[in-house]
Each structure stands twice: as C-alpha cells, then as structure tokens.
Amino acid sequence: MRFIDIIEKKRDGKKLTQQEIQFWIKGYVDGAIPDYQVSALCMAIYFQGMDNEEIAWLTDAMLHSGDIIDLSDIPGIKADKHSTGGVGDKTSLSLTPMVAACGLKVAKMSGRGLGHTGGTLDKVESIEGFNIALSEEQFKKQVSEIGLALIGQTSEIVPADKKLYGLRDVTGTVQSIPLIASSIMSKKLASGSDTILLDVKFGEGAFMKTPEEAEKLASTMIAIGNHLGKDTKAMISNMNQPLGNAIGNALEVKEAIATLKDEGPADFKELCMSAGAIMLMQGKIAQDEASARAMLQEAITSGNALQKLREMVIAQGGNVNMIDHPEKLPHAANVIEMKAECNGYVKELDALKLGTLAMLIGAGRRVKEDTINFGVGIVLNKKDGDYVEKGDILAYVHTDTPLSDEWIEDFYRCFVYSDTPTQKAPLIYKIVK
C-alpha cells in the first residue's frame, strides 16, 4: 500500500477503507509517513470530507494507537467534558472544580491551543510547577482521592492525535468536522470516563461558524460516543464574542479563580452553570436542572469549588500561592488602556480578530514551535450590547512589547457600533442529546 495513493483517492472525493485509515495512522505514529504527506491528506479531507463510517474508523484507529485508561475500579460515575475551543474559553478551570465539589468525579484530558484559541494546558501551565504529565496510575489515584485531575496527552495515550493536533494547527486544517470529531472523541474515549459533555461553539471566534455547523459536529461526536457505550451530550454555545473578559493564559486563570469566588463575568459563570447542570444530571448527582444549579451555586458560595481547584493544583505540584494570590501569576511588563474613539452601543465584537491580536503579542502560537508568553493578553472592559462614550476604556492590553500602529488599528476594527441599543445574543443556543 502506498500513501500517495491514499492522498490521491481522498483528493478525488472517494471513500477510504478501514485498512487504508489504519495504514495511515499506524504509519504516521511509527514515523514511516512524514508530516508533509499527512498535511496533504488532511487538506484533502478538509475539502472532500468523510462519511460517518470513515470518521468512526478514524476515531477507532486513533483510539487504539496507544493506551486506553481503565477507570472502572474507581467507584461512581466518572465524567469528562470538552470544548471545541474559542477566544477566552477557560471553562475547564472553573467548571471542573465546581462539579467535583458537588461529588462528581472528573477525569479531564486537555489539549493545547489551536490557531487563535487558547488551550487549557497552556493556561494551567501558567501556574508555577503545575504538572500536566501524570502517569496513568497517578491520574487514576488523583481522580479517586480528590475527584479531579487535569492532564495532557502522554506519549502513550492517543499518540496519533498528539501528532495530528499540532500539525492541523499550522496547516489550515483545524476546521474540518471529521478531523475535529475524531480528535476529540479519541481522547475522550481513551481517558476512560463514563459520561462526556461537549461544548460545541459557533461564531466568529470558533472553528464552526454557524449553529448548523456546530450542531452537525455535535451530532457526529454524540453518535461516536453513544455507539461506544458512553453517555454523550452536547451544548451549542455562541462564540461571536469572547467568553468572559480575559484573553490570554494567566489572565484567564485569574478570571477562572474570580468566578469560583462568584466575582467573575456573568456570561462565563452562566456557561459554567449550564454545563455543570448537565454534567451533574449525567452523573446521577442531581435529578433536574434546578437542583443541579442550586448545588453548583452552593459549591461556589461555600468556597468548596475554589478549595477543589486548590486541591488539584497541590496534587499536581503547582504553586497554590498563585491561586490564593492571583497577582503572583505571570504578568506583563506593561498594561495599556485602549480608549474608545467614538460614542455608541457595541453592536458586534470580532472574537476571531481579538484572539489573533492576543496571539500576535505572545498569548498563542503562530507555529507549533512557538513559546507561549503566559502573562500577556487582552482584558475587555466593554462587550456586545454595552454603551460606550468617547474616552471610555474598551480594554486593557497586557504586553511586553510596544504595540504597532497596525495592531492598534486592527484592535479598533474589532468594535462595531450602533446608534441605537442592541440586544445581547443568547449564549446557549441549544442542548443536543
């Protein structure tokens, strides 16, 4: 079998066989098939797509490219969640401690940033000493003892996805439903949880641009999960503006901590409450949404949710003083106030461009070898629906380098104004089961 034949077959819109997909994944993991050939196939898949059977075969091949964690010896239902990524999406840092504080065990495997979106691993690594590389035994022990662990992919767990993940990021093939679905579900299935909640985002700041695309991706992943015996549900959420106010790694950790103190942005808290309610019902901790939300609020009010975050940070070698004193997290040398140049209501906020601007000052990666600057980013002061007067502060830019004229011009283009009041778009579009 020649890999060039597989590339040409998919380029021409033909269906790959299970054997061809297994040959691809095995050869790529073994090093027999180079990055440049896999890049070509990913681009062919981006344009030609895959049917459900091909996606299932791809997911299965990736899942079995490495170890599969068995959590069955840990009592109770084990939960996992995944977001398809967006600008300012620090959900795991607040949501998982909230639900763990309610008694649900959370075994979370996370990824790094893709394109303009920040990755959960990049955020937690802004906490000094935080170890994302737990062994399987350490991972299981921590889930069993404190009910929460957050790790990255080890070389033994879905190595095919680890290689493909970074390659897609720098080859323009991130926004492909077959590649997204197989990537997410292979990791979720390998991490051993019983239930999976997917937060599938749409809009300018997400990989899926429309609610219909997001729902198609959600349905594809739910079908994979349910077929393999996992209780899989999805929520479709709006990413036409950043989630919360902070964009950038340590800045988002600070906002997640504030949310666990009930001092965070309203939109971000609402997303965590909605997702947490579904997770608690999936885990049989709560019978209905109202009781689930009450439990989550109590976890915040009592301080138990913040304590659960502290426990996880301590267990994974992180400096818990950075949780207790967020000002000790990495910070930029300069904070620049970006002031409004006109009056009006914020009608639109370009999340994609804001995410890209944050990346350009060091908060993300342009190529997979780039090093993240944990302290830099943007903190918004005005968002969709807010009234702005000339001279008001639109945002604070945390940067170690001077801002170019082009950067500043692009920043101001992110805000579109209206003379009349505008209505905020709903955050949660739909729940898919």
Protein backbone atom coordinates (compact mmCIF):
# COMPACT_ATOMS: atom_id res chain seq x y z
CA MET A 1 0.00 0.00 0.00
CA ARG A 2 1.36 3.45 -0.97
CA PHE A 3 0.37 6.54 0.97
CA ILE A 4 0.40 8.70 -2.15
CA ASP A 5 -2.46 6.55 -3.49
CA ILE A 6 -4.49 7.26 -0.33
CA ILE A 7 -3.89 11.01 -0.70
CA GLU A 8 -4.99 10.95 -4.34
CA LYS A 9 -8.04 8.81 -3.54
CA LYS A 10 -9.32 11.29 -0.95
CA ARG A 11 -8.32 14.24 -3.14
CA ASP A 12 -10.68 12.84 -5.76
CA GLY A 13 -13.53 12.56 -3.23
CA LYS A 14 -13.51 8.79 -2.82
CA LYS A 15 -14.16 6.87 0.39
CA LEU A 16 -11.17 5.43 2.24
CA THR A 17 -11.29 1.87 3.54
CA GLN A 18 -10.75 0.92 7.18
CA GLN A 19 -7.47 -0.73 6.18
CA GLU A 20 -6.24 2.46 4.45
CA ILE A 21 -7.08 4.56 7.51
CA GLN A 22 -5.32 2.09 9.81
CA PHE A 23 -2.28 2.14 7.48
CA TRP A 24 -2.23 5.95 7.65
CA ILE A 25 -2.47 6.22 11.44
CA LYS A 26 -0.03 3.38 12.18
CA GLY A 27 2.50 4.67 9.64
CA TYR A 28 2.29 8.24 10.93
CA VAL A 29 2.74 7.20 14.58
CA ASP A 30 5.65 4.90 13.64
CA GLY A 31 7.35 7.66 11.66
CA ALA A 32 7.12 5.86 8.33
CA ILE A 33 4.80 8.54 6.86
CA PRO A 34 6.16 12.13 7.03
CA ASP A 35 4.38 15.31 8.12
CA TYR A 36 4.21 16.73 4.60
CA GLN A 37 2.25 13.75 3.26
CA VAL A 38 -0.15 13.74 6.21
CA SER A 39 -0.62 17.51 5.72
CA ALA A 40 -1.70 16.80 2.15
CA LEU A 41 -4.20 14.16 3.26
CA CYS A 42 -5.61 16.44 5.98
CA MET A 43 -6.16 19.15 3.36
CA ALA A 44 -7.88 16.64 1.09
CA ILE A 45 -10.15 15.62 3.99
CA TYR A 46 -10.80 19.30 4.73
CA PHE A 47 -12.17 19.81 1.21
CA GLN A 48 -13.69 16.37 0.48
CA GLY A 49 -14.89 15.35 3.96
CA MET A 50 -15.52 11.86 5.29
CA ASP A 51 -18.71 9.89 5.82
CA ASN A 52 -19.76 8.63 9.26
CA GLU A 53 -18.21 5.23 8.73
CA GLU A 54 -14.84 6.74 7.77
CA ILE A 55 -14.97 9.02 10.83
CA ALA A 56 -15.75 6.04 13.09
CA TRP A 57 -12.82 4.10 11.59
CA LEU A 58 -10.51 7.08 12.01
CA THR A 59 -11.58 7.57 15.63
CA ASP A 60 -11.08 3.87 16.36
CA ALA A 61 -7.63 3.82 14.72
CA MET A 62 -6.54 6.87 16.70
CA LEU A 63 -8.02 5.50 19.95
CA HIS A 64 -6.07 2.25 19.56
CA SER A 65 -2.81 3.96 18.56
CA GLY A 66 -1.87 3.95 22.25
CA ASP A 67 -3.04 3.07 25.75
CA ILE A 68 -6.66 3.29 26.90
CA ILE A 69 -7.18 4.25 30.54
CA ASP A 70 -9.47 1.98 32.55
CA LEU A 71 -11.22 3.86 35.37
CA SER A 72 -13.68 1.07 36.16
CA ASP A 73 -12.06 0.31 39.51
CA ILE A 74 -12.86 3.85 40.74
CA PRO A 75 -16.31 3.86 42.40
CA GLY A 76 -19.05 6.01 40.91
CA ILE A 77 -19.63 7.66 37.56
CA LYS A 78 -16.60 9.37 36.04
CA ALA A 79 -17.23 12.46 33.89
CA ASP A 80 -15.36 14.34 31.21
CA LYS A 81 -16.10 17.49 29.23
CA HIS A 82 -14.63 19.08 26.15
CA SER A 83 -14.92 22.43 24.45
CA THR A 84 -14.23 22.81 20.75
CA GLY A 85 -12.35 25.97 21.66
CA GLY A 86 -12.90 29.66 21.45
CA VAL A 87 -11.50 33.01 22.47
CA GLY A 88 -11.36 33.40 26.25
CA ASP A 89 -12.59 29.86 26.87
CA LYS A 90 -11.22 28.97 30.30
CA THR A 91 -14.26 26.86 31.21
CA SER A 92 -12.42 23.78 32.48
CA LEU A 93 -10.62 25.81 35.14
CA SER A 94 -13.88 26.82 36.82
CA LEU A 95 -16.37 24.18 35.73
CA THR A 96 -14.47 21.04 36.74
CA PRO A 97 -13.81 22.20 40.34
CA MET A 98 -17.47 23.23 40.62
CA VAL A 99 -18.85 19.82 39.64
CA ALA A 100 -16.13 17.94 41.56
CA ALA A 101 -17.11 19.90 44.68
CA CYS A 102 -20.64 18.54 44.17
CA GLY A 103 -19.35 14.96 44.30
CA LEU A 104 -18.88 14.11 40.63
CA LYS A 105 -15.51 12.59 39.72
CA VAL A 106 -13.91 14.38 36.76
CA ALA A 107 -11.12 12.78 34.70
CA LYS A 108 -10.10 15.52 32.27
CA MET A 109 -7.66 15.21 29.40
CA SER A 110 -6.98 18.56 27.75
CA GLY A 111 -5.09 19.99 24.80
CA ARG A 112 -3.03 22.99 23.81
CA GLY A 113 -4.10 25.98 21.77
CA LEU A 114 -5.16 25.63 18.16
CA GLY A 115 -4.91 28.67 15.91
CA HIS A 116 -6.40 31.72 17.62
CA THR A 117 -7.82 29.76 20.58
CA GLY A 118 -6.03 29.18 23.86
CA GLY A 119 -5.58 25.65 25.15
CA THR A 120 -6.37 24.56 28.70
CA LEU A 121 -2.87 23.11 29.13
CA ASP A 122 -1.29 26.43 28.21
CA LYS A 123 -3.45 28.15 30.81
CA VAL A 124 -2.71 25.76 33.72
CA GLU A 125 0.99 25.80 32.90
CA SER A 126 0.99 29.49 33.79
CA ILE A 127 0.65 28.17 37.37
CA GLU A 128 4.22 27.59 38.51
CA GLY A 129 5.09 23.90 38.81
CA PHE A 130 1.74 22.53 37.60
CA ASN A 131 2.40 19.06 36.20
CA ILE A 132 0.20 18.01 33.30
CA ALA A 133 2.18 14.82 32.62
CA LEU A 134 0.78 12.43 35.23
CA SER A 135 1.23 8.71 34.73
CA GLU A 136 -1.90 6.62 34.33
CA GLU A 137 -1.56 5.41 37.92
CA GLN A 138 -1.14 8.97 39.23
CA PHE A 139 -4.12 10.11 37.16
CA LYS A 140 -6.37 7.34 38.50
CA LYS A 141 -5.20 7.84 42.08
CA GLN A 142 -5.91 11.56 41.95
CA VAL A 143 -9.39 11.11 40.42
CA SER A 144 -10.17 8.53 43.10
CA GLU A 145 -8.85 10.59 46.04
CA ILE A 146 -9.82 14.20 45.28
CA GLY A 147 -12.31 13.67 42.46
CA LEU A 148 -10.50 15.80 39.89
CA ALA A 149 -7.45 15.58 37.63
CA LEU A 150 -6.48 17.57 34.55
CA ILE A 151 -3.76 16.17 32.34
CA GLY A 152 -2.33 16.45 28.86
CA GLN A 153 -1.88 13.64 26.42
CA THR A 154 1.05 11.45 27.29
CA SER A 155 3.04 9.71 24.56
CA GLU A 156 1.15 6.54 25.46
CA ILE A 157 -2.39 7.97 25.16
CA VAL A 158 -3.67 8.58 21.61
CA PRO A 159 -0.21 9.39 20.18
CA ALA A 160 -1.78 9.69 16.73
CA ASP A 161 -3.85 12.64 17.86
CA LYS A 162 -0.93 14.29 19.63
CA LYS A 163 0.97 14.37 16.32
CA LEU A 164 -2.04 15.37 14.21
CA TYR A 165 -3.17 18.07 16.67
CA GLY A 166 -0.05 20.20 16.26
CA LEU A 167 0.08 19.57 12.50
CA ARG A 168 -3.50 20.71 11.91
CA ASP A 169 -2.84 23.90 13.86
CA VAL A 170 -0.21 25.10 11.37
CA THR A 171 -1.60 23.75 8.10
CA GLY A 172 -5.01 25.43 7.96
CA THR A 173 -6.95 22.19 8.53
CA VAL A 174 -8.34 22.79 12.03
CA GLN A 175 -11.92 23.49 10.88
CA SER A 176 -12.67 20.03 9.48
CA ILE A 177 -15.55 18.13 11.11
CA PRO A 178 -14.04 14.65 10.52
CA LEU A 179 -10.68 15.73 11.94
CA ILE A 180 -12.22 17.61 14.88
CA ALA A 181 -14.66 14.80 15.75
CA SER A 182 -12.05 12.03 15.60
CA SER A 183 -9.53 14.12 17.56
CA ILE A 184 -11.92 14.97 20.37
CA MET A 185 -13.62 11.62 20.66
CA SER A 186 -10.43 9.53 20.51
CA LYS A 187 -9.12 11.48 23.52
CA LYS A 188 -12.41 11.37 25.38
CA LEU A 189 -12.78 7.62 24.83
CA ALA A 190 -9.15 6.95 25.78
CA SER A 191 -9.45 8.84 29.08
CA GLY A 192 -11.90 6.25 30.39
CA SER A 193 -14.82 8.37 31.61
CA ASP A 194 -18.42 7.14 31.62
CA THR A 195 -20.05 10.41 30.56
CA ILE A 196 -18.93 13.10 28.12
CA LEU A 197 -20.26 16.64 27.78
CA LEU A 198 -19.27 18.51 24.62
CA ASP A 199 -19.40 22.31 24.46
CA VAL A 200 -19.53 22.91 20.71
CA LYS A 201 -19.08 26.56 19.85
CA PHE A 202 -20.11 28.55 16.78
CA GLY A 203 -19.42 32.07 15.58
CA GLU A 204 -16.55 34.29 14.51
CA GLY A 205 -14.35 33.20 17.39
CA ALA A 206 -14.97 29.46 16.89
CA PHE A 207 -13.98 26.85 14.32
CA MET A 208 -17.63 26.23 13.43
CA LYS A 209 -19.04 29.48 12.04
CA THR A 210 -22.77 28.73 12.16
CA PRO A 211 -25.12 26.99 14.64
CA GLU A 212 -25.91 24.45 11.92
CA GLU A 213 -22.22 23.51 11.50
CA ALA A 214 -21.83 23.25 15.28
CA GLU A 215 -24.88 21.02 15.57
CA LYS A 216 -23.58 18.78 12.77
CA LEU A 217 -20.27 18.37 14.60
CA ALA A 218 -22.08 17.73 17.89
CA SER A 219 -24.32 15.09 16.34
CA THR A 220 -21.30 13.38 14.75
CA MET A 221 -19.49 13.15 18.08
CA ILE A 222 -22.58 12.08 20.02
CA ALA A 223 -23.10 9.24 17.54
CA ILE A 224 -19.50 8.08 18.05
CA GLY A 225 -19.77 8.26 21.85
CA ASN A 226 -23.12 6.56 22.14
CA HIS A 227 -22.05 3.83 19.71
CA LEU A 228 -19.16 3.02 22.05
CA GLY A 229 -21.31 3.00 25.18
CA LYS A 230 -20.58 6.47 26.55
CA ASP A 231 -23.38 8.81 27.68
CA THR A 232 -22.57 11.72 25.38
CA LYS A 233 -24.40 15.06 25.26
CA ALA A 234 -23.61 18.45 23.78
CA MET A 235 -24.44 22.09 24.24
CA ILE A 236 -24.18 24.53 21.35
CA SER A 237 -22.86 27.89 22.54
CA ASN A 238 -22.25 31.29 20.95
CA MET A 239 -18.66 32.44 20.31
CA ASN A 240 -19.38 35.58 18.31
CA GLN A 241 -17.65 37.46 21.09
CA PRO A 242 -15.03 36.29 23.60
CA LEU A 243 -16.22 34.26 26.57
CA GLY A 244 -15.76 36.34 29.70
CA ASN A 245 -13.43 39.32 29.57
CA ALA A 246 -9.91 37.87 29.68
CA ILE A 247 -7.98 36.61 26.63
CA GLY A 248 -4.57 35.19 27.49
CA ASN A 249 -3.30 32.41 29.71
CA ALA A 250 -2.56 33.77 33.20
CA LEU A 251 -5.24 36.43 32.71
CA GLU A 252 -7.79 33.68 32.11
CA VAL A 253 -6.61 31.75 35.16
CA LYS A 254 -7.24 34.90 37.22
CA GLU A 255 -10.74 35.17 35.77
CA ALA A 256 -11.46 31.50 36.48
CA ILE A 257 -10.39 31.99 40.11
CA ALA A 258 -12.60 35.09 40.36
CA THR A 259 -15.53 33.08 39.02
CA LEU A 260 -15.05 30.46 41.74
CA LYS A 261 -15.33 33.36 44.21
CA ASP A 262 -18.56 34.46 42.46
CA GLU A 263 -16.79 37.57 41.19
CA GLY A 264 -16.37 36.60 37.53
CA PRO A 265 -18.16 37.81 34.37
CA ALA A 266 -21.85 36.91 34.14
CA ASP A 267 -21.63 35.24 30.72
CA PHE A 268 -18.78 32.97 31.76
CA LYS A 269 -20.49 31.95 35.00
CA GLU A 270 -23.70 31.17 33.09
CA LEU A 271 -21.86 28.87 30.71
CA CYS A 272 -20.29 27.03 33.66
CA MET A 273 -23.66 26.72 35.40
CA SER A 274 -25.39 25.39 32.27
CA ALA A 275 -22.64 22.88 31.54
CA GLY A 276 -22.31 21.88 35.18
CA ALA A 277 -26.03 21.18 35.46
CA ILE A 278 -25.89 18.78 32.50
CA MET A 279 -22.82 17.04 33.93
CA LEU A 280 -24.42 16.58 37.36
CA MET A 281 -27.53 15.09 35.77
CA GLN A 282 -25.43 12.77 33.59
CA GLY A 283 -23.56 11.69 36.73
CA LYS A 284 -26.80 11.00 38.64
CA ILE A 285 -25.78 13.59 41.26
CA ALA A 286 -28.82 15.78 40.52
CA GLN A 287 -32.26 14.82 39.22
CA ASP A 288 -33.08 18.05 37.41
CA GLU A 289 -31.55 21.31 36.26
CA ALA A 290 -32.89 23.41 39.13
CA SER A 291 -31.41 21.20 41.83
CA ALA A 292 -28.14 20.92 39.88
CA ARG A 293 -27.81 24.70 39.64
CA ALA A 294 -28.54 25.05 43.36
CA MET A 295 -25.77 22.56 44.15
CA LEU A 296 -23.31 24.40 41.92
CA GLN A 297 -24.13 27.76 43.48
CA GLU A 298 -23.67 26.28 46.95
CA ALA A 299 -20.28 24.92 45.90
CA ILE A 300 -19.24 28.45 44.93
CA THR A 301 -20.82 30.24 47.91
CA SER A 302 -19.33 27.83 50.46
CA GLY A 303 -15.85 28.07 48.95
CA ASN A 304 -15.79 24.34 48.23
CA ALA A 305 -15.33 24.84 44.48
CA LEU A 306 -12.29 27.08 44.97
CA GLN A 307 -10.93 24.61 47.51
CA LYS A 308 -11.28 21.82 44.95
CA LEU A 309 -9.17 23.84 42.49
CA ARG A 310 -6.58 24.32 45.24
CA GLU A 311 -6.54 20.57 45.92
CA MET A 312 -5.94 19.80 42.24
CA VAL A 313 -3.14 22.36 41.95
CA ILE A 314 -1.43 21.00 45.08
CA ALA A 315 -1.84 17.37 43.93
CA GLN A 316 -0.26 18.21 40.57
CA GLY A 317 2.72 20.08 42.02
CA GLY A 318 1.50 23.60 41.32
CA ASN A 319 2.23 26.65 43.43
CA VAL A 320 -1.06 27.08 45.31
CA ASN A 321 0.01 30.57 46.42
CA MET A 322 -0.81 31.64 42.86
CA ILE A 323 -4.40 30.51 43.44
CA ASP A 324 -4.61 32.22 46.82
CA HIS A 325 -2.85 35.33 45.49
CA PRO A 326 -3.58 35.57 41.73
CA GLU A 327 -1.41 38.68 41.47
CA LYS A 328 1.57 36.30 41.76
CA LEU A 329 0.69 34.68 38.42
CA PRO A 330 2.86 35.69 35.44
CA HIS A 331 2.16 39.25 34.33
CA ALA A 332 3.21 41.54 31.50
CA ALA A 333 5.58 44.47 31.84
CA ASN A 334 3.03 46.96 30.51
CA VAL A 335 -0.75 47.45 30.75
CA ILE A 336 -2.06 49.77 28.02
CA GLU A 337 -5.53 51.33 28.16
CA MET A 338 -7.34 51.22 24.82
CA LYS A 339 -9.84 54.09 24.83
CA ALA A 340 -12.93 54.47 22.66
CA GLU A 341 -12.71 56.94 19.78
CA CYS A 342 -16.48 57.46 19.42
CA ASN A 343 -19.85 57.08 21.15
CA GLY A 344 -22.33 54.27 20.57
CA TYR A 345 -23.61 50.86 21.52
CA VAL A 346 -21.32 47.91 20.84
CA LYS A 347 -23.17 46.04 18.11
CA GLU A 348 -20.52 43.47 17.19
CA LEU A 349 -17.23 42.35 18.69
CA ASP A 350 -14.85 40.39 16.45
CA ALA A 351 -13.74 37.47 18.64
CA LEU A 352 -11.56 35.94 15.92
CA LYS A 353 -9.60 39.14 15.39
CA LEU A 354 -9.22 39.72 19.15
CA GLY A 355 -7.93 36.17 19.57
CA THR A 356 -5.47 36.72 16.73
CA LEU A 357 -4.31 40.02 18.22
CA ALA A 358 -3.67 38.30 21.56
CA MET A 359 -1.71 35.60 19.73
CA LEU A 360 0.40 38.23 17.97
CA ILE A 361 1.63 39.70 21.27
CA GLY A 362 2.59 36.23 22.53
CA ALA A 363 -0.53 34.67 24.08
CA GLY A 364 -0.73 31.97 21.38
CA ARG A 365 1.30 30.19 18.73
CA ARG A 366 1.72 31.09 15.07
CA VAL A 367 3.74 27.89 14.50
CA LYS A 368 3.81 24.83 16.74
CA GLU A 369 7.39 25.57 17.91
CA ASP A 370 6.42 28.99 19.33
CA THR A 371 6.77 29.58 23.07
CA ILE A 372 3.77 30.99 24.94
CA ASN A 373 4.15 34.18 26.96
CA PHE A 374 1.85 33.39 29.89
CA GLY A 375 1.46 36.97 31.14
CA VAL A 376 0.28 38.78 28.02
CA GLY A 377 -3.20 39.22 26.60
CA ILE A 378 -6.28 41.42 26.49
CA VAL A 379 -8.89 42.11 29.17
CA LEU A 380 -12.08 43.59 27.75
CA ASN A 381 -13.93 46.34 29.56
CA LYS A 382 -16.78 46.70 27.04
CA LYS A 383 -18.64 43.96 25.20
CA ASP A 384 -21.65 43.27 22.98
CA GLY A 385 -24.61 45.47 23.97
CA ASP A 386 -22.67 47.89 26.18
CA TYR A 387 -22.90 51.65 25.70
CA VAL A 388 -19.58 53.41 25.10
CA GLU A 389 -18.68 57.09 25.30
CA LYS A 390 -15.61 58.52 23.62
CA GLY A 391 -12.68 58.14 26.00
CA ASP A 392 -14.12 55.13 27.84
CA ILE A 393 -11.70 52.25 28.30
CA LEU A 394 -12.56 49.47 25.86
CA ALA A 395 -9.87 47.08 27.04
CA TYR A 396 -6.58 46.70 28.86
CA VAL A 397 -3.75 45.25 26.77
CA HIS A 398 -1.13 43.38 28.80
CA THR A 399 2.05 43.30 26.73
CA ASP A 400 5.82 43.02 26.99
CA THR A 401 6.39 44.71 23.64
CA PRO A 402 5.22 48.01 22.08
CA LEU A 403 2.01 47.82 20.07
CA SER A 404 2.44 48.57 16.37
CA ASP A 405 0.20 51.06 14.58
CA GLU A 406 -1.21 48.16 12.56
CA TRP A 407 -2.03 46.22 15.75
CA ILE A 408 -3.81 49.22 17.25
CA GLU A 409 -5.79 49.85 14.05
CA ASP A 410 -6.84 46.19 13.94
CA PHE A 411 -7.91 46.37 17.58
CA TYR A 412 -10.27 49.28 16.96
CA ARG A 413 -11.74 47.48 13.94
CA CYS A 414 -12.88 44.71 16.32
CA PHE A 415 -15.63 47.00 17.66
CA VAL A 416 -18.66 47.78 15.51
CA TYR A 417 -21.06 50.39 16.92
CA SER A 418 -24.73 51.26 16.60
CA ASP A 419 -26.55 54.49 17.44
CA THR A 420 -29.42 52.51 18.95
CA PRO A 421 -29.41 49.91 21.76
CA THR A 422 -28.54 46.39 20.69
CA GLN A 423 -29.73 43.14 22.20
CA LYS A 424 -27.23 40.63 23.55
CA ALA A 425 -27.33 37.33 21.65
CA PRO A 426 -28.20 34.20 23.70
CA LEU A 427 -25.11 32.40 25.00
CA ILE A 428 -26.55 28.86 24.91
CA TYR A 429 -28.12 28.10 21.54
CA LYS A 430 -29.24 24.51 22.01
CA ILE A 431 -28.75 21.30 24.02
CA VAL A 432 -28.20 18.23 21.81
CA LYS A 433 -28.77 14.73 23.22
